[in-house]
Amino acid sequence: MGTDMVDPDAPGDPGLQAERTRLSWRRLTLSVTVVALLATGRVVTSGARPAAVAGLGLVALGWVALLTVAHRRVRALTIVRRGAAPVGSAAAVVAIVVAALGLVVAVLVV
């Protein structure tokens, strides 16, 4: 092994971790936005069946919920400078929203 290994006990830069987390939230919201737009395009091109329109409504609600959670988390990262920001139930909400969006999009595609 080389001598240039990283010491796991060395303190890291908390500012960089916050920036990585902020960028992660932005990537997630961008990905979900793309999925929502693709689902919208699928509904528009395949005809407006009532089930598809209802599914699209669920996608829109999930998208807004995810944007709200992401916005609050990014704001919490800018407020809390030292240590970890309190997670609360944000992780559970995001997991549920992403899973629900995946199911709705899967139903729309099939």
N, C-alpha and C. Protein backbone atom coordinates (compact mmCIF):
# COMPACT_ATOMS: atom_id res chain seq x y z
N MET A 1 0.83 -1.17 0.00
CA MET A 1 0.00 0.00 0.00
C MET A 1 0.88 1.24 0.00
N GLY A 2 0.36 2.31 -0.58
CA GLY A 2 1.10 3.56 -0.65
C GLY A 2 1.01 4.34 0.65
N THR A 3 1.83 5.36 0.74
CA THR A 3 1.82 6.20 1.94
C THR A 3 0.83 7.36 1.84
N ASP A 4 0.15 7.46 0.72
CA ASP A 4 -0.77 8.58 0.52
C ASP A 4 -2.22 8.21 0.84
N MET A 5 -2.43 7.28 1.78
CA MET A 5 -3.79 6.88 2.14
C MET A 5 -4.43 7.97 3.00
N VAL A 6 -5.72 8.07 2.92
CA VAL A 6 -6.46 9.07 3.68
C VAL A 6 -6.73 8.55 5.08
N ASP A 7 -6.52 9.39 6.06
CA ASP A 7 -6.78 9.03 7.45
C ASP A 7 -8.28 9.14 7.72
N PRO A 8 -8.95 8.03 8.08
CA PRO A 8 -10.40 8.10 8.29
C PRO A 8 -10.79 8.92 9.51
N ASP A 9 -9.87 9.15 10.45
CA ASP A 9 -10.17 9.93 11.64
C ASP A 9 -9.92 11.43 11.45
N ALA A 10 -9.34 11.80 10.32
CA ALA A 10 -9.05 13.21 10.08
C ALA A 10 -10.35 13.97 9.85
N PRO A 11 -10.46 15.17 10.44
CA PRO A 11 -11.69 15.94 10.23
C PRO A 11 -11.79 16.42 8.78
N GLY A 12 -12.97 16.31 8.23
CA GLY A 12 -13.18 16.75 6.86
C GLY A 12 -13.67 18.19 6.83
N ASP A 13 -13.87 18.69 5.67
CA ASP A 13 -14.38 20.05 5.51
C ASP A 13 -15.90 19.99 5.51
N PRO A 14 -16.56 20.48 6.56
CA PRO A 14 -18.02 20.39 6.62
C PRO A 14 -18.69 21.20 5.52
N GLY A 15 -18.04 22.22 5.01
CA GLY A 15 -18.61 23.00 3.92
C GLY A 15 -18.73 22.19 2.64
N LEU A 16 -17.75 21.33 2.40
CA LEU A 16 -17.81 20.50 1.20
C LEU A 16 -18.91 19.47 1.29
N GLN A 17 -19.13 18.91 2.46
CA GLN A 17 -20.20 17.93 2.60
C GLN A 17 -21.56 18.59 2.36
N ALA A 18 -21.74 19.78 2.88
CA ALA A 18 -22.99 20.49 2.65
C ALA A 18 -23.18 20.78 1.16
N GLU A 19 -22.10 21.14 0.49
CA GLU A 19 -22.20 21.42 -0.94
C GLU A 19 -22.54 20.16 -1.73
N ARG A 20 -21.92 19.04 -1.36
CA ARG A 20 -22.24 17.78 -2.04
C ARG A 20 -23.69 17.40 -1.82
N THR A 21 -24.19 17.60 -0.60
CA THR A 21 -25.58 17.28 -0.30
C THR A 21 -26.52 18.19 -1.09
N ARG A 22 -26.18 19.46 -1.17
CA ARG A 22 -26.99 20.41 -1.93
C ARG A 22 -27.04 20.01 -3.41
N LEU A 23 -25.89 19.65 -3.95
CA LEU A 23 -25.85 19.21 -5.35
C LEU A 23 -26.63 17.92 -5.56
N SER A 24 -26.60 17.04 -4.57
CA SER A 24 -27.36 15.80 -4.65
C SER A 24 -28.86 16.08 -4.71
N TRP A 25 -29.33 16.99 -3.89
CA TRP A 25 -30.75 17.37 -3.93
C TRP A 25 -31.11 17.96 -5.28
N ARG A 26 -30.24 18.76 -5.83
CA ARG A 26 -30.52 19.36 -7.15
C ARG A 26 -30.55 18.30 -8.25
N ARG A 27 -29.66 17.33 -8.18
CA ARG A 27 -29.68 16.24 -9.16
C ARG A 27 -30.97 15.44 -9.05
N LEU A 28 -31.40 15.17 -7.81
CA LEU A 28 -32.64 14.42 -7.61
C LEU A 28 -33.83 15.17 -8.17
N THR A 29 -33.93 16.47 -7.88
CA THR A 29 -35.07 17.22 -8.40
C THR A 29 -35.02 17.32 -9.92
N LEU A 30 -33.84 17.45 -10.50
CA LEU A 30 -33.74 17.48 -11.95
C LEU A 30 -34.17 16.15 -12.56
N SER A 31 -33.76 15.04 -11.96
CA SER A 31 -34.14 13.72 -12.46
C SER A 31 -35.65 13.51 -12.38
N VAL A 32 -36.24 13.89 -11.26
CA VAL A 32 -37.69 13.72 -11.11
C VAL A 32 -38.44 14.64 -12.07
N THR A 33 -37.91 15.82 -12.34
CA THR A 33 -38.53 16.72 -13.30
C THR A 33 -38.52 16.11 -14.69
N VAL A 34 -37.41 15.51 -15.07
CA VAL A 34 -37.32 14.86 -16.38
C VAL A 34 -38.33 13.71 -16.47
N VAL A 35 -38.44 12.91 -15.42
CA VAL A 35 -39.40 11.80 -15.41
C VAL A 35 -40.82 12.33 -15.52
N ALA A 36 -41.13 13.41 -14.80
CA ALA A 36 -42.47 13.99 -14.87
C ALA A 36 -42.77 14.51 -16.27
N LEU A 37 -41.79 15.14 -16.90
CA LEU A 37 -41.99 15.62 -18.27
C LEU A 37 -42.17 14.48 -19.25
N LEU A 38 -41.41 13.41 -19.08
CA LEU A 38 -41.58 12.24 -19.95
C LEU A 38 -42.96 11.61 -19.76
N ALA A 39 -43.42 11.54 -18.53
CA ALA A 39 -44.76 11.00 -18.27
C ALA A 39 -45.82 11.89 -18.90
N THR A 40 -45.63 13.20 -18.83
CA THR A 40 -46.57 14.13 -19.45
C THR A 40 -46.60 13.94 -20.96
N GLY A 41 -45.44 13.81 -21.55
CA GLY A 41 -45.37 13.56 -22.99
C GLY A 41 -46.05 12.26 -23.39
N ARG A 42 -45.88 11.25 -22.56
CA ARG A 42 -46.51 9.96 -22.84
C ARG A 42 -48.04 10.07 -22.80
N VAL A 43 -48.56 10.80 -21.82
CA VAL A 43 -50.01 10.96 -21.70
C VAL A 43 -50.54 11.78 -22.87
N VAL A 44 -49.83 12.82 -23.24
CA VAL A 44 -50.29 13.69 -24.33
C VAL A 44 -50.30 12.95 -25.65
N THR A 45 -49.27 12.16 -25.93
CA THR A 45 -49.19 11.48 -27.22
C THR A 45 -50.07 10.24 -27.30
N SER A 46 -50.42 9.63 -26.16
CA SER A 46 -51.22 8.40 -26.21
C SER A 46 -52.70 8.67 -26.03
N GLY A 47 -53.09 9.90 -25.88
CA GLY A 47 -54.50 10.21 -25.65
C GLY A 47 -54.76 10.39 -24.17
N ALA A 48 -55.76 11.16 -23.90
CA ALA A 48 -56.04 11.52 -22.50
C ALA A 48 -57.06 10.55 -21.89
N ARG A 49 -56.62 9.33 -21.58
CA ARG A 49 -57.48 8.40 -20.86
C ARG A 49 -57.63 8.90 -19.44
N PRO A 50 -58.78 8.67 -18.81
CA PRO A 50 -58.98 9.15 -17.44
C PRO A 50 -57.94 8.61 -16.45
N ALA A 51 -57.57 7.36 -16.59
CA ALA A 51 -56.57 6.79 -15.67
C ALA A 51 -55.21 7.45 -15.88
N ALA A 52 -54.86 7.74 -17.12
CA ALA A 52 -53.58 8.38 -17.41
C ALA A 52 -53.55 9.81 -16.87
N VAL A 53 -54.68 10.51 -17.01
CA VAL A 53 -54.74 11.87 -16.50
C VAL A 53 -54.65 11.86 -14.97
N ALA A 54 -55.31 10.89 -14.32
CA ALA A 54 -55.22 10.78 -12.86
C ALA A 54 -53.79 10.45 -12.44
N GLY A 55 -53.15 9.56 -13.17
CA GLY A 55 -51.75 9.24 -12.88
C GLY A 55 -50.85 10.44 -13.06
N LEU A 56 -51.13 11.23 -14.09
CA LEU A 56 -50.35 12.44 -14.32
C LEU A 56 -50.55 13.44 -13.18
N GLY A 57 -51.76 13.49 -12.65
CA GLY A 57 -52.02 14.34 -11.49
C GLY A 57 -51.22 13.88 -10.28
N LEU A 58 -51.13 12.57 -10.09
CA LEU A 58 -50.32 12.04 -8.99
C LEU A 58 -48.84 12.34 -9.18
N VAL A 59 -48.38 12.26 -10.42
CA VAL A 59 -46.99 12.60 -10.71
C VAL A 59 -46.74 14.07 -10.37
N ALA A 60 -47.68 14.94 -10.75
CA ALA A 60 -47.53 16.37 -10.46
C ALA A 60 -47.51 16.63 -8.96
N LEU A 61 -48.41 15.97 -8.21
CA LEU A 61 -48.42 16.14 -6.76
C LEU A 61 -47.12 15.64 -6.12
N GLY A 62 -46.64 14.51 -6.57
CA GLY A 62 -45.39 13.98 -6.05
C GLY A 62 -44.21 14.88 -6.38
N TRP A 63 -44.23 15.46 -7.58
CA TRP A 63 -43.16 16.36 -8.00
C TRP A 63 -43.14 17.61 -7.12
N VAL A 64 -44.32 18.17 -6.86
CA VAL A 64 -44.40 19.35 -6.00
C VAL A 64 -43.96 19.01 -4.58
N ALA A 65 -44.37 17.85 -4.07
CA ALA A 65 -43.96 17.44 -2.72
C ALA A 65 -42.45 17.28 -2.64
N LEU A 66 -41.86 16.67 -3.64
CA LEU A 66 -40.40 16.49 -3.65
C LEU A 66 -39.68 17.84 -3.74
N LEU A 67 -40.18 18.74 -4.57
CA LEU A 67 -39.56 20.06 -4.66
C LEU A 67 -39.64 20.80 -3.33
N THR A 68 -40.76 20.65 -2.64
CA THR A 68 -40.92 21.30 -1.34
C THR A 68 -39.92 20.76 -0.33
N VAL A 69 -39.81 19.44 -0.26
CA VAL A 69 -38.86 18.84 0.68
C VAL A 69 -37.44 19.22 0.32
N ALA A 70 -37.11 19.18 -0.96
CA ALA A 70 -35.74 19.52 -1.38
C ALA A 70 -35.42 20.98 -1.06
N HIS A 71 -36.37 21.86 -1.28
CA HIS A 71 -36.14 23.27 -0.99
C HIS A 71 -35.90 23.49 0.50
N ARG A 72 -36.69 22.83 1.33
CA ARG A 72 -36.50 22.95 2.78
C ARG A 72 -35.16 22.39 3.22
N ARG A 73 -34.76 21.27 2.64
CA ARG A 73 -33.48 20.67 3.02
C ARG A 73 -32.30 21.55 2.59
N VAL A 74 -32.38 22.13 1.40
CA VAL A 74 -31.29 23.00 0.93
C VAL A 74 -31.23 24.24 1.81
N ARG A 75 -32.38 24.78 2.19
CA ARG A 75 -32.39 25.93 3.10
C ARG A 75 -31.81 25.55 4.46
N ALA A 76 -32.12 24.35 4.93
CA ALA A 76 -31.57 23.90 6.22
C ALA A 76 -30.06 23.77 6.14
N LEU A 77 -29.54 23.38 4.98
CA LEU A 77 -28.09 23.27 4.82
C LEU A 77 -27.42 24.63 4.87
N THR A 78 -28.08 25.65 4.38
CA THR A 78 -27.47 26.97 4.42
C THR A 78 -27.58 27.59 5.81
N ILE A 79 -28.59 27.19 6.59
CA ILE A 79 -28.76 27.73 7.95
C ILE A 79 -27.80 27.05 8.91
N VAL A 80 -27.72 25.72 8.83
CA VAL A 80 -26.87 24.97 9.74
C VAL A 80 -25.49 24.86 9.13
N ARG A 81 -24.54 25.53 9.73
CA ARG A 81 -23.17 25.55 9.20
C ARG A 81 -22.31 24.44 9.78
N ARG A 82 -22.48 24.14 11.05
CA ARG A 82 -21.64 23.13 11.69
C ARG A 82 -22.47 21.89 11.99
N GLY A 83 -21.84 20.73 11.85
CA GLY A 83 -22.52 19.48 12.17
C GLY A 83 -23.52 19.12 11.09
N ALA A 84 -24.27 18.09 11.37
CA ALA A 84 -25.26 17.61 10.41
C ALA A 84 -26.59 18.32 10.63
N ALA A 85 -27.23 18.65 9.53
CA ALA A 85 -28.56 19.25 9.62
C ALA A 85 -29.55 18.19 10.08
N PRO A 86 -30.55 18.56 10.86
CA PRO A 86 -31.51 17.57 11.32
C PRO A 86 -32.30 17.00 10.15
N VAL A 87 -32.32 15.68 10.06
CA VAL A 87 -32.96 15.02 8.93
C VAL A 87 -34.47 14.96 9.11
N GLY A 88 -34.93 14.66 10.31
CA GLY A 88 -36.37 14.56 10.53
C GLY A 88 -36.96 13.47 9.66
N SER A 89 -38.10 13.76 9.08
CA SER A 89 -38.77 12.77 8.25
C SER A 89 -38.56 13.03 6.77
N ALA A 90 -37.62 13.90 6.42
CA ALA A 90 -37.39 14.25 5.02
C ALA A 90 -36.97 13.03 4.20
N ALA A 91 -36.12 12.19 4.75
CA ALA A 91 -35.67 11.01 4.01
C ALA A 91 -36.83 10.06 3.73
N ALA A 92 -37.69 9.88 4.69
CA ALA A 92 -38.85 9.00 4.49
C ALA A 92 -39.79 9.58 3.45
N VAL A 93 -40.03 10.89 3.49
CA VAL A 93 -40.91 11.53 2.51
C VAL A 93 -40.34 11.38 1.11
N VAL A 94 -39.05 11.62 0.96
CA VAL A 94 -38.42 11.50 -0.35
C VAL A 94 -38.49 10.07 -0.86
N ALA A 95 -38.23 9.10 0.00
CA ALA A 95 -38.29 7.70 -0.43
C ALA A 95 -39.69 7.32 -0.88
N ILE A 96 -40.69 7.76 -0.14
CA ILE A 96 -42.08 7.45 -0.50
C ILE A 96 -42.47 8.13 -1.80
N VAL A 97 -42.09 9.39 -1.96
CA VAL A 97 -42.45 10.13 -3.18
C VAL A 97 -41.77 9.52 -4.40
N VAL A 98 -40.49 9.20 -4.28
CA VAL A 98 -39.78 8.62 -5.43
C VAL A 98 -40.34 7.25 -5.78
N ALA A 99 -40.66 6.43 -4.78
CA ALA A 99 -41.25 5.12 -5.06
C ALA A 99 -42.62 5.26 -5.70
N ALA A 100 -43.43 6.19 -5.20
CA ALA A 100 -44.76 6.40 -5.78
C ALA A 100 -44.67 6.91 -7.20
N LEU A 101 -43.74 7.84 -7.46
CA LEU A 101 -43.56 8.32 -8.82
C LEU A 101 -43.11 7.21 -9.75
N GLY A 102 -42.24 6.34 -9.27
CA GLY A 102 -41.81 5.22 -10.08
C GLY A 102 -42.96 4.29 -10.43
N LEU A 103 -43.82 4.01 -9.47
CA LEU A 103 -44.98 3.15 -9.74
C LEU A 103 -45.94 3.80 -10.72
N VAL A 104 -46.22 5.08 -10.53
CA VAL A 104 -47.15 5.77 -11.44
C VAL A 104 -46.59 5.82 -12.85
N VAL A 105 -45.31 6.13 -12.99
CA VAL A 105 -44.72 6.16 -14.32
C VAL A 105 -44.70 4.77 -14.93
N ALA A 106 -44.43 3.74 -14.14
CA ALA A 106 -44.45 2.38 -14.67
C ALA A 106 -45.84 2.02 -15.19
N VAL A 107 -46.87 2.44 -14.48
CA VAL A 107 -48.25 2.17 -14.94
C VAL A 107 -48.54 2.95 -16.21
N LEU A 108 -48.06 4.19 -16.27
CA LEU A 108 -48.30 4.99 -17.48
C LEU A 108 -47.58 4.42 -18.69
N VAL A 109 -46.42 3.86 -18.50
CA VAL A 109 -45.65 3.33 -19.62
C VAL A 109 -46.26 2.05 -20.14
N VAL A 110 -46.76 1.23 -19.24
CA VAL A 110 -47.33 -0.06 -19.64
C VAL A 110 -48.69 0.13 -20.14
